[in-house]
Amino acid sequence: MSPWLNDLKKAIILQDIQKLDSLLDQTPKFTSILDMEEAAYLLLNAKTFLESERSSTLHSLSQLKNTIDFLKATENISASSINLKL
C-alpha cells in the first residue's frame, strides 16, 4: 500500500481539508488494481465529506447574511422615529 493512500485515510479520518487538498494535487500513478480501487473508494468518501462541509458552510453563510440584513434593517431606526407620548 502506498504512503499516499495512508495519508489520504488519515486526512479523511481527521477531516483535514487542507491535507486533502494537498493530496489531491499530488495524486500518484498507481501500479496495482487493488490500490486504484482503494483510492477510488477513499476519494468517494472524501468527496462525500467535502460536499457535507460545503453544504454546512453554505447554510452558515446564509444565516450570517440573514443576520446582517436584520441588523442593517434595525440600525436605521432612530429614536426620534418612535413617538411615544406619555
PDB file of N, CA and C in Angstrom:
ATOM      1  N   MET A   1       0.844  -1.182   0.000  1.00  0.00           N
ATOM      2  CA  MET A   1       0.000   0.000   0.000  1.00  0.00           C
ATOM      3  C   MET A   1       0.885   1.239   0.000  1.00  0.00           C
ATOM      4  N   SER A   2       0.474   2.208  -0.774  1.00  0.00           N
ATOM      5  CA  SER A   2       1.309   3.408  -0.917  1.00  0.00           C
ATOM      6  C   SER A   2       1.138   4.350   0.273  1.00  0.00           C
ATOM      7  N   PRO A   3       2.183   5.107   0.565  1.00  0.00           N
ATOM      8  CA  PRO A   3       2.085   6.103   1.642  1.00  0.00           C
ATOM      9  C   PRO A   3       0.999   7.148   1.352  1.00  0.00           C
ATOM     10  N   TRP A   4       0.778   7.427   0.056  1.00  0.00           N
ATOM     11  CA  TRP A   4      -0.262   8.396  -0.322  1.00  0.00           C
ATOM     12  C   TRP A   4      -1.628   7.915   0.147  1.00  0.00           C
ATOM     13  N   LEU A   5      -1.926   6.622  -0.005  1.00  0.00           N
ATOM     14  CA  LEU A   5      -3.204   6.083   0.446  1.00  0.00           C
ATOM     15  C   LEU A   5      -3.332   6.177   1.965  1.00  0.00           C
ATOM     16  N   ASN A   6      -2.250   5.904   2.668  1.00  0.00           N
ATOM     17  CA  ASN A   6      -2.276   6.039   4.130  1.00  0.00           C
ATOM     18  C   ASN A   6      -2.539   7.483   4.540  1.00  0.00           C
ATOM     19  N   ASP A   7      -1.882   8.418   3.859  1.00  0.00           N
ATOM     20  CA  ASP A   7      -2.101   9.832   4.158  1.00  0.00           C
ATOM     21  C   ASP A   7      -3.543  10.247   3.835  1.00  0.00           C
ATOM     22  N   LEU A   8      -4.076   9.710   2.763  1.00  0.00           N
ATOM     23  CA  LEU A   8      -5.457  10.015   2.389  1.00  0.00           C
ATOM     24  C   LEU A   8      -6.424   9.501   3.451  1.00  0.00           C
ATOM     25  N   LYS A   9      -6.184   8.294   3.936  1.00  0.00           N
ATOM     26  CA  LYS A   9      -7.023   7.733   5.006  1.00  0.00           C
ATOM     27  C   LYS A   9      -6.985   8.630   6.239  1.00  0.00           C
ATOM     28  N   LYS A  10      -5.782   9.047   6.631  1.00  0.00           N
ATOM     29  CA  LYS A  10      -5.636   9.905   7.806  1.00  0.00           C
ATOM     30  C   LYS A  10      -6.381  11.229   7.616  1.00  0.00           C
ATOM     31  N   ALA A  11      -6.236  11.820   6.448  1.00  0.00           N
ATOM     32  CA  ALA A  11      -6.884  13.105   6.184  1.00  0.00           C
ATOM     33  C   ALA A  11      -8.410  12.982   6.240  1.00  0.00           C
ATOM     34  N   ILE A  12      -8.934  11.865   5.744  1.00  0.00           N
ATOM     35  CA  ILE A  12     -10.386  11.654   5.787  1.00  0.00           C
ATOM     36  C   ILE A  12     -10.843  11.448   7.222  1.00  0.00           C
ATOM     37  N   ILE A  13     -10.122  10.624   7.963  1.00  0.00           N
ATOM     38  CA  ILE A  13     -10.496  10.349   9.356  1.00  0.00           C
ATOM     39  C   ILE A  13     -10.424  11.618  10.198  1.00  0.00           C
ATOM     40  N   LEU A  14      -9.375  12.400  10.003  1.00  0.00           N
ATOM     41  CA  LEU A  14      -9.189  13.630  10.776  1.00  0.00           C
ATOM     42  C   LEU A  14      -9.976  14.811  10.201  1.00  0.00           C
ATOM     43  N   GLN A  15     -10.608  14.594   9.070  1.00  0.00           N
ATOM     44  CA  GLN A  15     -11.379  15.630   8.373  1.00  0.00           C
ATOM     45  C   GLN A  15     -10.522  16.882   8.145  1.00  0.00           C
ATOM     46  N   ASP A  16      -9.336  16.643   7.627  1.00  0.00           N
ATOM     47  CA  ASP A  16      -8.349  17.697   7.366  1.00  0.00           C
ATOM     48  C   ASP A  16      -8.471  18.152   5.914  1.00  0.00           C
ATOM     49  N   ILE A  17      -9.199  19.224   5.704  1.00  0.00           N
ATOM     50  CA  ILE A  17      -9.478  19.709   4.349  1.00  0.00           C
ATOM     51  C   ILE A  17      -8.200  20.161   3.649  1.00  0.00           C
ATOM     52  N   GLN A  18      -7.303  20.819   4.371  1.00  0.00           N
ATOM     53  CA  GLN A  18      -6.062  21.288   3.751  1.00  0.00           C
ATOM     54  C   GLN A  18      -5.192  20.116   3.299  1.00  0.00           C
ATOM     55  N   LYS A  19      -5.147  19.082   4.110  1.00  0.00           N
ATOM     56  CA  LYS A  19      -4.354  17.904   3.747  1.00  0.00           C
ATOM     57  C   LYS A  19      -4.981  17.202   2.536  1.00  0.00           C
ATOM     58  N   LEU A  20      -6.321  17.120   2.512  1.00  0.00           N
ATOM     59  CA  LEU A  20      -6.999  16.530   1.351  1.00  0.00           C
ATOM     60  C   LEU A  20      -6.648  17.306   0.088  1.00  0.00           C
ATOM     61  N   ASP A  21      -6.693  18.614   0.188  1.00  0.00           N
ATOM     62  CA  ASP A  21      -6.371  19.453  -0.970  1.00  0.00           C
ATOM     63  C   ASP A  21      -4.946  19.195  -1.445  1.00  0.00           C
ATOM     64  N   SER A  22      -4.030  19.115  -0.498  1.00  0.00           N
ATOM     65  CA  SER A  22      -2.628  18.855  -0.827  1.00  0.00           C
ATOM     66  C   SER A  22      -2.454  17.484  -1.490  1.00  0.00           C
ATOM     67  N   LEU A  23      -3.136  16.479  -0.949  1.00  0.00           N
ATOM     68  CA  LEU A  23      -3.025  15.128  -1.507  1.00  0.00           C
ATOM     69  C   LEU A  23      -3.621  15.047  -2.912  1.00  0.00           C
ATOM     70  N   LEU A  24      -4.698  15.764  -3.148  1.00  0.00           N
ATOM     71  CA  LEU A  24      -5.314  15.733  -4.476  1.00  0.00           C
ATOM     72  C   LEU A  24      -4.420  16.381  -5.522  1.00  0.00           C
ATOM     73  N   ASP A  25      -3.602  17.330  -5.080  1.00  0.00           N
ATOM     74  CA  ASP A  25      -2.664  17.974  -6.015  1.00  0.00           C
ATOM     75  C   ASP A  25      -1.489  17.077  -6.374  1.00  0.00           C
ATOM     76  N   GLN A  26      -1.270  16.041  -5.584  1.00  0.00           N
ATOM     77  CA  GLN A  26      -0.119  15.163  -5.833  1.00  0.00           C
ATOM     78  C   GLN A  26      -0.536  13.698  -5.957  1.00  0.00           C
ATOM     79  N   THR A  27      -1.620  13.454  -6.652  1.00  0.00           N
ATOM     80  CA  THR A  27      -2.105  12.090  -6.842  1.00  0.00           C
ATOM     81  C   THR A  27      -1.062  11.270  -7.612  1.00  0.00           C
ATOM     82  N   PRO A  28      -0.668  10.127  -7.049  1.00  0.00           N
ATOM     83  CA  PRO A  28       0.357   9.309  -7.717  1.00  0.00           C
ATOM     84  C   PRO A  28      -0.233   8.438  -8.826  1.00  0.00           C
ATOM     85  N   LYS A  29       0.648   7.840  -9.596  1.00  0.00           N
ATOM     86  CA  LYS A  29       0.229   6.820 -10.568  1.00  0.00           C
ATOM     87  C   LYS A  29       0.259   5.488  -9.835  1.00  0.00           C
ATOM     88  N   PHE A  30      -0.863   4.797  -9.877  1.00  0.00           N
ATOM     89  CA  PHE A  30      -0.967   3.542  -9.145  1.00  0.00           C
ATOM     90  C   PHE A  30      -0.471   2.387 -10.010  1.00  0.00           C
ATOM     91  N   THR A  31       0.155   1.432  -9.349  1.00  0.00           N
ATOM     92  CA  THR A  31       0.729   0.297 -10.079  1.00  0.00           C
ATOM     93  C   THR A  31      -0.130  -0.953  -9.975  1.00  0.00           C
ATOM     94  N   SER A  32      -1.067  -0.961  -9.031  1.00  0.00           N
ATOM     95  CA  SER A  32      -1.906  -2.163  -8.902  1.00  0.00           C
ATOM     96  C   SER A  32      -3.382  -1.782  -8.924  1.00  0.00           C
ATOM     97  N   ILE A  33      -4.172  -2.709  -9.392  1.00  0.00           N
ATOM     98  CA  ILE A  33      -5.617  -2.520  -9.441  1.00  0.00           C
ATOM     99  C   ILE A  33      -6.173  -2.353  -8.031  1.00  0.00           C
ATOM    100  N   LEU A  34      -5.640  -3.094  -7.084  1.00  0.00           N
ATOM    101  CA  LEU A  34      -6.106  -3.014  -5.701  1.00  0.00           C
ATOM    102  C   LEU A  34      -5.913  -1.604  -5.139  1.00  0.00           C
ATOM    103  N   ASP A  35      -4.754  -1.010  -5.390  1.00  0.00           N
ATOM    104  CA  ASP A  35      -4.502   0.362  -4.929  1.00  0.00           C
ATOM    105  C   ASP A  35      -5.442   1.349  -5.626  1.00  0.00           C
ATOM    106  N   MET A  36      -5.694   1.139  -6.897  1.00  0.00           N
ATOM    107  CA  MET A  36      -6.625   2.016  -7.634  1.00  0.00           C
ATOM    108  C   MET A  36      -8.034   1.936  -7.065  1.00  0.00           C
ATOM    109  N   GLU A  37      -8.473   0.718  -6.762  1.00  0.00           N
ATOM    110  CA  GLU A  37      -9.814   0.542  -6.207  1.00  0.00           C
ATOM    111  C   GLU A  37      -9.915   1.179  -4.829  1.00  0.00           C
ATOM    112  N   GLU A  38      -8.875   1.004  -4.026  1.00  0.00           N
ATOM    113  CA  GLU A  38      -8.887   1.602  -2.686  1.00  0.00           C
ATOM    114  C   GLU A  38      -8.884   3.124  -2.779  1.00  0.00           C
ATOM    115  N   ALA A  39      -8.089   3.655  -3.700  1.00  0.00           N
ATOM    116  CA  ALA A  39      -8.048   5.104  -3.889  1.00  0.00           C
ATOM    117  C   ALA A  39      -9.414   5.624  -4.345  1.00  0.00           C
ATOM    118  N   ALA A  40     -10.058   4.914  -5.262  1.00  0.00           N
ATOM    119  CA  ALA A  40     -11.377   5.333  -5.739  1.00  0.00           C
ATOM    120  C   ALA A  40     -12.383   5.346  -4.591  1.00  0.00           C
ATOM    121  N   TYR A  41     -12.352   4.332  -3.747  1.00  0.00           N
ATOM    122  CA  TYR A  41     -13.254   4.254  -2.601  1.00  0.00           C
ATOM    123  C   TYR A  41     -12.981   5.396  -1.621  1.00  0.00           C
ATOM    124  N   LEU A  42     -11.721   5.631  -1.328  1.00  0.00           N
ATOM    125  CA  LEU A  42     -11.361   6.709  -0.398  1.00  0.00           C
ATOM    126  C   LEU A  42     -11.707   8.079  -0.966  1.00  0.00           C
ATOM    127  N   LEU A  43     -11.485   8.256  -2.260  1.00  0.00           N
ATOM    128  CA  LEU A  43     -11.826   9.537  -2.880  1.00  0.00           C
ATOM    129  C   LEU A  43     -13.332   9.786  -2.873  1.00  0.00           C
ATOM    130  N   LEU A  44     -14.107   8.722  -3.006  1.00  0.00           N
ATOM    131  CA  LEU A  44     -15.561   8.853  -2.907  1.00  0.00           C
ATOM    132  C   LEU A  44     -15.959   9.298  -1.497  1.00  0.00           C
ATOM    133  N   ASN A  45     -15.312   8.722  -0.487  1.00  0.00           N
ATOM    134  CA  ASN A  45     -15.564   9.147   0.893  1.00  0.00           C
ATOM    135  C   ASN A  45     -15.138  10.600   1.115  1.00  0.00           C
ATOM    136  N   ALA A  46     -14.005  10.972   0.561  1.00  0.00           N
ATOM    137  CA  ALA A  46     -13.532  12.353   0.689  1.00  0.00           C
ATOM    138  C   ALA A  46     -14.515  13.309   0.018  1.00  0.00           C
ATOM    139  N   LYS A  47     -15.019  12.920  -1.143  1.00  0.00           N
ATOM    140  CA  LYS A  47     -15.987  13.759  -1.860  1.00  0.00           C
ATOM    141  C   LYS A  47     -17.254  13.942  -1.032  1.00  0.00           C
ATOM    142  N   THR A  48     -17.739  12.873  -0.430  1.00  0.00           N
ATOM    143  CA  THR A  48     -18.936  12.947   0.411  1.00  0.00           C
ATOM    144  C   THR A  48     -18.700  13.889   1.594  1.00  0.00           C
ATOM    145  N   PHE A  49     -17.547  13.755   2.225  1.00  0.00           N
ATOM    146  CA  PHE A  49     -17.203  14.628   3.354  1.00  0.00           C
ATOM    147  C   PHE A  49     -17.138  16.087   2.913  1.00  0.00           C
ATOM    148  N   LEU A  50     -16.465  16.351   1.797  1.00  0.00           N
ATOM    149  CA  LEU A  50     -16.308  17.732   1.329  1.00  0.00           C
ATOM    150  C   LEU A  50     -17.647  18.342   0.913  1.00  0.00           C
ATOM    151  N   GLU A  51     -18.518  17.548   0.314  1.00  0.00           N
ATOM    152  CA  GLU A  51     -19.847  18.052  -0.041  1.00  0.00           C
ATOM    153  C   GLU A  51     -20.648  18.388   1.207  1.00  0.00           C
ATOM    154  N   SER A  52     -20.506  17.588   2.237  1.00  0.00           N
ATOM    155  CA  SER A  52     -21.183  17.854   3.507  1.00  0.00           C
ATOM    156  C   SER A  52     -20.660  19.153   4.130  1.00  0.00           C
ATOM    157  N   GLU A  53     -19.350  19.332   4.101  1.00  0.00           N
ATOM    158  CA  GLU A  53     -18.754  20.558   4.621  1.00  0.00           C
ATOM    159  C   GLU A  53     -19.200  21.775   3.823  1.00  0.00           C
ATOM    160  N   ARG A  54     -19.292  21.618   2.515  1.00  0.00           N
ATOM    161  CA  ARG A  54     -19.740  22.713   1.645  1.00  0.00           C
ATOM    162  C   ARG A  54     -21.174  23.102   1.981  1.00  0.00           C
ATOM    163  N   SER A  55     -22.020  22.108   2.148  1.00  0.00           N
ATOM    164  CA  SER A  55     -23.420  22.363   2.484  1.00  0.00           C
ATOM    165  C   SER A  55     -23.527  23.074   3.828  1.00  0.00           C
ATOM    166  N   SER A  56     -22.766  22.623   4.791  1.00  0.00           N
ATOM    167  CA  SER A  56     -22.772  23.238   6.114  1.00  0.00           C
ATOM    168  C   SER A  56     -22.284  24.684   6.046  1.00  0.00           C
ATOM    169  N   THR A  57     -21.244  24.915   5.261  1.00  0.00           N
ATOM    170  CA  THR A  57     -20.704  26.263   5.101  1.00  0.00           C
ATOM    171  C   THR A  57     -21.721  27.178   4.421  1.00  0.00           C
ATOM    172  N   LEU A  58     -22.373  26.692   3.385  1.00  0.00           N
ATOM    173  CA  LEU A  58     -23.390  27.498   2.705  1.00  0.00           C
ATOM    174  C   LEU A  58     -24.540  27.849   3.645  1.00  0.00           C
ATOM    175  N   HIS A  59     -24.938  26.901   4.489  1.00  0.00           N
ATOM    176  CA  HIS A  59     -26.001  27.158   5.458  1.00  0.00           C
ATOM    177  C   HIS A  59     -25.562  28.232   6.455  1.00  0.00           C
ATOM    178  N   SER A  60     -24.333  28.137   6.940  1.00  0.00           N
ATOM    179  CA  SER A  60     -23.809  29.136   7.880  1.00  0.00           C
ATOM    180  C   SER A  60     -23.732  30.510   7.237  1.00  0.00           C
ATOM    181  N   LEU A  61     -23.293  30.560   5.993  1.00  0.00           N
ATOM    182  CA  LEU A  61     -23.215  31.837   5.286  1.00  0.00           C
ATOM    183  C   LEU A  61     -24.598  32.445   5.094  1.00  0.00           C
ATOM    184  N   SER A  62     -25.572  31.608   4.806  1.00  0.00           N
ATOM    185  CA  SER A  62     -26.940  32.091   4.653  1.00  0.00           C
ATOM    186  C   SER A  62     -27.458  32.668   5.968  1.00  0.00           C
ATOM    187  N   GLN A  63     -27.180  31.998   7.059  1.00  0.00           N
ATOM    188  CA  GLN A  63     -27.593  32.508   8.362  1.00  0.00           C
ATOM    189  C   GLN A  63     -26.912  33.831   8.681  1.00  0.00           C
ATOM    190  N   LEU A  64     -25.629  33.935   8.374  1.00  0.00           N
ATOM    191  CA  LEU A  64     -24.905  35.187   8.600  1.00  0.00           C
ATOM    192  C   LEU A  64     -25.478  36.321   7.749  1.00  0.00           C
ATOM    193  N   LYS A  65     -25.806  36.023   6.501  1.00  0.00           N
ATOM    194  CA  LYS A  65     -26.387  37.036   5.630  1.00  0.00           C
ATOM    195  C   LYS A  65     -27.721  37.517   6.184  1.00  0.00           C
ATOM    196  N   ASN A  66     -28.541  36.587   6.651  1.00  0.00           N
ATOM    197  CA  ASN A  66     -29.828  36.972   7.231  1.00  0.00           C
ATOM    198  C   ASN A  66     -29.639  37.830   8.484  1.00  0.00           C
ATOM    199  N   THR A  67     -28.655  37.490   9.297  1.00  0.00           N
ATOM    200  CA  THR A  67     -28.374  38.273  10.497  1.00  0.00           C
ATOM    201  C   THR A  67     -27.901  39.670  10.132  1.00  0.00           C
ATOM    202  N   ILE A  68     -27.016  39.765   9.161  1.00  0.00           N
ATOM    203  CA  ILE A  68     -26.515  41.069   8.717  1.00  0.00           C
ATOM    204  C   ILE A  68     -27.652  41.908   8.143  1.00  0.00           C
ATOM    205  N   ASP A  69     -28.503  41.301   7.322  1.00  0.00           N
ATOM    206  CA  ASP A  69     -29.650  42.023   6.769  1.00  0.00           C
ATOM    207  C   ASP A  69     -30.558  42.533   7.879  1.00  0.00           C
ATOM    208  N   PHE A  70     -30.795  41.702   8.890  1.00  0.00           N
ATOM    209  CA  PHE A  70     -31.634  42.111  10.016  1.00  0.00           C
ATOM    210  C   PHE A  70     -31.003  43.287  10.760  1.00  0.00           C
ATOM    211  N   LEU A  71     -29.701  43.190  11.029  1.00  0.00           N
ATOM    212  CA  LEU A  71     -29.016  44.264  11.743  1.00  0.00           C
ATOM    213  C   LEU A  71     -29.029  45.564  10.946  1.00  0.00           C
ATOM    214  N   LYS A  72     -28.844  45.467   9.644  1.00  0.00           N
ATOM    215  CA  LYS A  72     -28.893  46.667   8.810  1.00  0.00           C
ATOM    216  C   LYS A  72     -30.287  47.285   8.818  1.00  0.00           C
ATOM    217  N   ALA A  73     -31.302  46.445   8.804  1.00  0.00           N
ATOM    218  CA  ALA A  73     -32.680  46.944   8.794  1.00  0.00           C
ATOM    219  C   ALA A  73     -33.043  47.610  10.118  1.00  0.00           C
ATOM    220  N   THR A  74     -32.503  47.127  11.215  1.00  0.00           N
ATOM    221  CA  THR A  74     -32.856  47.695  12.519  1.00  0.00           C
ATOM    222  C   THR A  74     -31.965  48.843  12.941  1.00  0.00           C
ATOM    223  N   GLU A  75     -30.805  49.020  12.344  1.00  0.00           N
ATOM    224  CA  GLU A  75     -29.927  50.108  12.772  1.00  0.00           C
ATOM    225  C   GLU A  75     -30.398  51.459  12.253  1.00  0.00           C
ATOM    226  N   ASN A  76     -31.229  51.488  11.233  1.00  0.00           N
ATOM    227  CA  ASN A  76     -31.709  52.741  10.672  1.00  0.00           C
ATOM    228  C   ASN A  76     -32.891  53.325  11.436  1.00  0.00           C
ATOM    229  N   ILE A  77     -33.391  52.612  12.398  1.00  0.00           N
ATOM    230  CA  ILE A  77     -34.499  53.122  13.200  1.00  0.00           C
ATOM    231  C   ILE A  77     -33.924  54.068  14.243  1.00  0.00           C
ATOM    232  N   SER A  78     -34.239  55.337  14.125  1.00  0.00           N
ATOM    233  CA  SER A  78     -33.712  56.297  15.077  1.00  0.00           C
ATOM    234  C   SER A  78     -34.691  56.476  16.220  1.00  0.00           C
ATOM    235  N   ALA A  79     -34.190  57.000  17.297  1.00  0.00           N
ATOM    236  CA  ALA A  79     -35.027  57.199  18.493  1.00  0.00           C
ATOM    237  C   ALA A  79     -36.138  58.196  18.216  1.00  0.00           C
ATOM    238  N   SER A  80     -35.887  59.165  17.354  1.00  0.00           N
ATOM    239  CA  SER A  80     -36.903  60.181  17.078  1.00  0.00           C
ATOM    240  C   SER A  80     -38.050  59.624  16.238  1.00  0.00           C
ATOM    241  N   SER A  81     -37.830  58.507  15.578  1.00  0.00           N
ATOM    242  CA  SER A  81     -38.910  57.948  14.756  1.00  0.00           C
ATOM    243  C   SER A  81     -39.926  57.220  15.611  1.00  0.00           C
ATOM    244  N   ILE A  82     -39.578  56.966  16.839  1.00  0.00           N
ATOM    245  CA  ILE A  82     -40.529  56.321  17.735  1.00  0.00           C
ATOM    246  C   ILE A  82     -41.125  57.415  18.612  1.00  0.00           C
ATOM    247  N   ASN A  83     -42.375  57.761  18.326  1.00  0.00           N
ATOM    248  CA  ASN A  83     -43.054  58.801  19.082  1.00  0.00           C
ATOM    249  C   ASN A  83     -43.892  58.159  20.156  1.00  0.00           C
ATOM    250  N   LEU A  84     -43.356  58.156  21.338  1.00  0.00           N
ATOM    251  CA  LEU A  84     -44.107  57.646  22.472  1.00  0.00           C
ATOM    252  C   LEU A  84     -44.596  58.836  23.281  1.00  0.00           C
ATOM    253  N   LYS A  85     -45.886  58.933  23.444  1.00  0.00           N
ATOM    254  CA  LYS A  85     -46.430  60.030  24.241  1.00  0.00           C
ATOM    255  C   LYS A  85     -46.826  59.490  25.590  1.00  0.00           C
ATOM    256  N   LEU A  86     -46.323  60.103  26.583  1.00  0.00           N
ATOM    257  CA  LEU A  86     -46.642  59.692  27.934  1.00  0.00           C
ATOM    258  C   LEU A  86     -47.697  60.556  28.530  1.00  0.00           C
TER     259      LEU A  86
END
